Amino acid sequence: MQINWLLNWIMLIGLSAIWGSSFILMKLGMYTETHEIIFSNNQVAALRMTIAGLALFPWSLKSFRNLKDVKNLFPLAIVGLCGNFFPAFLRFLNDFSDQGKRARPAIVIRSAAT
C-alpha cells in the first residue's frame, strides 16, 4: 500500500513537470536567440494539436475497434468538439476578424474633477 501511494505522488509530480514545461518550451521554440519570431501563436498551437493527434492516432484506432456500442460515439464527438475544435475555431475567428477587436468592451473611467 505504501508503494502505491509513493508511486502515485511520483507520477503526479512527473506529469506536472511535463505538462507545465510544455508551455515554457513552446514559448522558447517560437523565437530565435535574437528574439526574432520563428512561429506565430497560431502555428505553434496548430503544430501542438497535429503532433498530439498523430501520436494518439494508433491508440484511437485500437479503442474504436473495441467500442461495442455505436451510441457511445456521439458523447465522444461532443467532448472532442467542445474540448478542442470550438475553442480553436473561436480563437481563430477572434484573431483574424476585425469584429473580435471591436467587440472588446472599452471601459472609460473619468475622475470627479473633470
C-alpha atoms as a PDB file:
ATOM      1  CA  MET A   1       0.000   0.000   0.000  1.00  0.00           C
ATOM      2  CA  GLN A   2       2.838   2.394   0.794  1.00  0.00           C
ATOM      3  CA  ILE A   3       4.409   1.802  -2.634  1.00  0.00           C
ATOM      4  CA  ASN A   4       1.183   2.720  -4.469  1.00  0.00           C
ATOM      5  CA  TRP A   5       0.929   5.977  -2.530  1.00  0.00           C
ATOM      6  CA  LEU A   6       4.527   6.905  -3.321  1.00  0.00           C
ATOM      7  CA  LEU A   7       4.190   5.861  -6.965  1.00  0.00           C
ATOM      8  CA  ASN A   8       1.044   7.985  -7.335  1.00  0.00           C
ATOM      9  CA  TRP A   9       2.866  11.053  -5.998  1.00  0.00           C
ATOM     10  CA  ILE A  10       5.877  10.449  -8.255  1.00  0.00           C
ATOM     11  CA  MET A  11       3.598  10.114 -11.292  1.00  0.00           C
ATOM     12  CA  LEU A  12       1.682  13.268 -10.332  1.00  0.00           C
ATOM     13  CA  ILE A  13       4.877  15.298  -9.946  1.00  0.00           C
ATOM     14  CA  GLY A  14       6.245  13.904 -13.222  1.00  0.00           C
ATOM     15  CA  LEU A  15       3.025  14.700 -15.076  1.00  0.00           C
ATOM     16  CA  SER A  16       3.004  18.215 -13.637  1.00  0.00           C
ATOM     17  CA  ALA A  17       6.597  18.780 -14.746  1.00  0.00           C
ATOM     18  CA  ILE A  18       5.921  17.524 -18.270  1.00  0.00           C
ATOM     19  CA  TRP A  19       2.660  19.413 -18.632  1.00  0.00           C
ATOM     20  CA  GLY A  20       3.993  22.660 -17.174  1.00  0.00           C
ATOM     21  CA  SER A  21       7.247  22.593 -19.110  1.00  0.00           C
ATOM     22  CA  SER A  22       5.457  22.177 -22.432  1.00  0.00           C
ATOM     23  CA  PHE A  23       4.212  25.778 -22.295  1.00  0.00           C
ATOM     24  CA  ILE A  24       7.666  27.093 -21.474  1.00  0.00           C
ATOM     25  CA  LEU A  25       9.214  25.053 -24.269  1.00  0.00           C
ATOM     26  CA  MET A  26       6.570  26.266 -26.735  1.00  0.00           C
ATOM     27  CA  LYS A  27       7.373  29.858 -25.816  1.00  0.00           C
ATOM     28  CA  LEU A  28      11.110  29.239 -26.197  1.00  0.00           C
ATOM     29  CA  GLY A  29      10.578  27.491 -29.528  1.00  0.00           C
ATOM     30  CA  MET A  30       8.719  30.438 -31.022  1.00  0.00           C
ATOM     31  CA  TYR A  31      11.732  32.775 -31.052  1.00  0.00           C
ATOM     32  CA  THR A  32      15.396  32.682 -32.035  1.00  0.00           C
ATOM     33  CA  GLU A  33      18.184  33.729 -29.706  1.00  0.00           C
ATOM     34  CA  THR A  34      17.917  37.265 -31.098  1.00  0.00           C
ATOM     35  CA  HIS A  35      14.140  37.307 -30.364  1.00  0.00           C
ATOM     36  CA  GLU A  36      13.055  37.003 -33.985  1.00  0.00           C
ATOM     37  CA  ILE A  37       9.756  35.222 -34.477  1.00  0.00           C
ATOM     38  CA  ILE A  38      10.009  31.699 -35.925  1.00  0.00           C
ATOM     39  CA  PHE A  39       6.399  30.580 -35.457  1.00  0.00           C
ATOM     40  CA  SER A  40       3.270  32.561 -34.596  1.00  0.00           C
ATOM     41  CA  ASN A  41       0.998  31.628 -31.696  1.00  0.00           C
ATOM     42  CA  ASN A  42      -1.487  30.007 -34.053  1.00  0.00           C
ATOM     43  CA  GLN A  43       1.203  27.994 -35.808  1.00  0.00           C
ATOM     44  CA  VAL A  44       2.534  26.644 -32.507  1.00  0.00           C
ATOM     45  CA  ALA A  45      -0.987  25.729 -31.373  1.00  0.00           C
ATOM     46  CA  ALA A  46      -1.717  24.010 -34.699  1.00  0.00           C
ATOM     47  CA  LEU A  47       1.578  22.101 -34.561  1.00  0.00           C
ATOM     48  CA  ARG A  48       0.870  21.011 -30.998  1.00  0.00           C
ATOM     49  CA  MET A  49      -2.621  19.744 -31.862  1.00  0.00           C
ATOM     50  CA  THR A  50      -1.368  17.977 -35.009  1.00  0.00           C
ATOM     51  CA  ILE A  51       1.527  16.249 -33.265  1.00  0.00           C
ATOM     52  CA  ALA A  52      -0.737  15.169 -30.392  1.00  0.00           C
ATOM     53  CA  GLY A  53      -3.310  13.823 -32.849  1.00  0.00           C
ATOM     54  CA  LEU A  54      -0.697  11.869 -34.785  1.00  0.00           C
ATOM     55  CA  ALA A  55       0.826  10.485 -31.590  1.00  0.00           C
ATOM     56  CA  LEU A  56      -2.551   9.318 -30.261  1.00  0.00           C
ATOM     57  CA  PHE A  57      -3.880   8.005 -33.591  1.00  0.00           C
ATOM     58  CA  PRO A  58      -2.730   4.369 -33.163  1.00  0.00           C
ATOM     59  CA  TRP A  59      -4.393   4.132 -29.739  1.00  0.00           C
ATOM     60  CA  SER A  60      -7.573   5.704 -31.058  1.00  0.00           C
ATOM     61  CA  LEU A  61      -7.840   3.070 -33.806  1.00  0.00           C
ATOM     62  CA  LYS A  62      -7.464   0.299 -31.247  1.00  0.00           C
ATOM     63  CA  SER A  63     -10.038   1.916 -28.958  1.00  0.00           C
ATOM     64  CA  PHE A  64     -12.565   2.399 -31.760  1.00  0.00           C
ATOM     65  CA  ARG A  65     -12.229  -1.262 -32.746  1.00  0.00           C
ATOM     66  CA  ASN A  66     -13.002  -2.259 -29.162  1.00  0.00           C
ATOM     67  CA  LEU A  67     -16.019   0.064 -28.986  1.00  0.00           C
ATOM     68  CA  LYS A  68     -19.048  -2.196 -28.618  1.00  0.00           C
ATOM     69  CA  ASP A  69     -21.897   0.268 -28.907  1.00  0.00           C
ATOM     70  CA  VAL A  70     -22.128   2.897 -31.648  1.00  0.00           C
ATOM     71  CA  LYS A  71     -24.293   5.172 -29.478  1.00  0.00           C
ATOM     72  CA  ASN A  72     -21.173   5.981 -27.412  1.00  0.00           C
ATOM     73  CA  LEU A  73     -19.659   7.810 -30.405  1.00  0.00           C
ATOM     74  CA  PHE A  74     -21.982  10.804 -30.006  1.00  0.00           C
ATOM     75  CA  PRO A  75     -20.766  11.746 -26.480  1.00  0.00           C
ATOM     76  CA  LEU A  76     -17.167  11.245 -27.638  1.00  0.00           C
ATOM     77  CA  ALA A  77     -17.771  13.581 -30.571  1.00  0.00           C
ATOM     78  CA  ILE A  78     -19.308  16.208 -28.264  1.00  0.00           C
ATOM     79  CA  VAL A  79     -16.298  16.042 -25.933  1.00  0.00           C
ATOM     80  CA  GLY A  80     -13.909  16.369 -28.878  1.00  0.00           C
ATOM     81  CA  LEU A  81     -15.779  19.302 -30.369  1.00  0.00           C
ATOM     82  CA  CYS A  82     -16.189  21.179 -27.076  1.00  0.00           C
ATOM     83  CA  GLY A  83     -12.678  20.477 -25.836  1.00  0.00           C
ATOM     84  CA  ASN A  84     -10.651  21.063 -28.982  1.00  0.00           C
ATOM     85  CA  PHE A  85     -12.482  22.236 -32.075  1.00  0.00           C
ATOM     86  CA  PHE A  86     -14.691  25.029 -30.739  1.00  0.00           C
ATOM     87  CA  PRO A  87     -12.005  26.765 -28.625  1.00  0.00           C
ATOM     88  CA  ALA A  88      -9.517  26.623 -31.513  1.00  0.00           C
ATOM     89  CA  PHE A  89     -12.135  27.811 -34.016  1.00  0.00           C
ATOM     90  CA  LEU A  90     -13.254  30.693 -31.790  1.00  0.00           C
ATOM     91  CA  ARG A  91      -9.639  31.717 -31.221  1.00  0.00           C
ATOM     92  CA  PHE A  92      -9.080  31.659 -34.979  1.00  0.00           C
ATOM     93  CA  LEU A  93     -12.143  33.836 -35.566  1.00  0.00           C
ATOM     94  CA  ASN A  94     -11.110  36.271 -32.842  1.00  0.00           C
ATOM     95  CA  ASP A  95      -7.570  36.637 -34.200  1.00  0.00           C
ATOM     96  CA  PHE A  96      -8.485  37.123 -37.841  1.00  0.00           C
ATOM     97  CA  SER A  97     -11.572  39.284 -37.688  1.00  0.00           C
ATOM     98  CA  ASP A  98     -11.948  42.977 -37.050  1.00  0.00           C
ATOM     99  CA  GLN A  99     -15.147  42.287 -35.136  1.00  0.00           C
ATOM    100  CA  GLY A 100     -13.187  40.496 -32.424  1.00  0.00           C
ATOM    101  CA  LYS A 101     -11.169  43.631 -31.782  1.00  0.00           C
ATOM    102  CA  ARG A 102     -14.216  45.881 -31.802  1.00  0.00           C
ATOM    103  CA  ALA A 103     -16.273  43.587 -29.616  1.00  0.00           C
ATOM    104  CA  ARG A 104     -13.992  44.018 -26.616  1.00  0.00           C
ATOM    105  CA  PRO A 105     -15.607  46.465 -24.218  1.00  0.00           C
ATOM    106  CA  ALA A 106     -13.794  49.719 -23.625  1.00  0.00           C
ATOM    107  CA  ILE A 107     -14.142  50.989 -20.077  1.00  0.00           C
ATOM    108  CA  VAL A 108     -13.603  54.691 -19.603  1.00  0.00           C
ATOM    109  CA  ILE A 109     -13.054  55.949 -16.071  1.00  0.00           C
ATOM    110  CA  ARG A 110     -13.399  59.656 -15.553  1.00  0.00           C
ATOM    111  CA  SER A 111     -12.199  61.419 -12.491  1.00  0.00           C
ATOM    112  CA  ALA A 112     -14.561  63.506 -10.398  1.00  0.00           C
ATOM    113  CA  ALA A 113     -12.519  66.663 -11.166  1.00  0.00           C
ATOM    114  CA  THR A 114     -13.378  66.727 -14.871  1.00  0.00           C
END
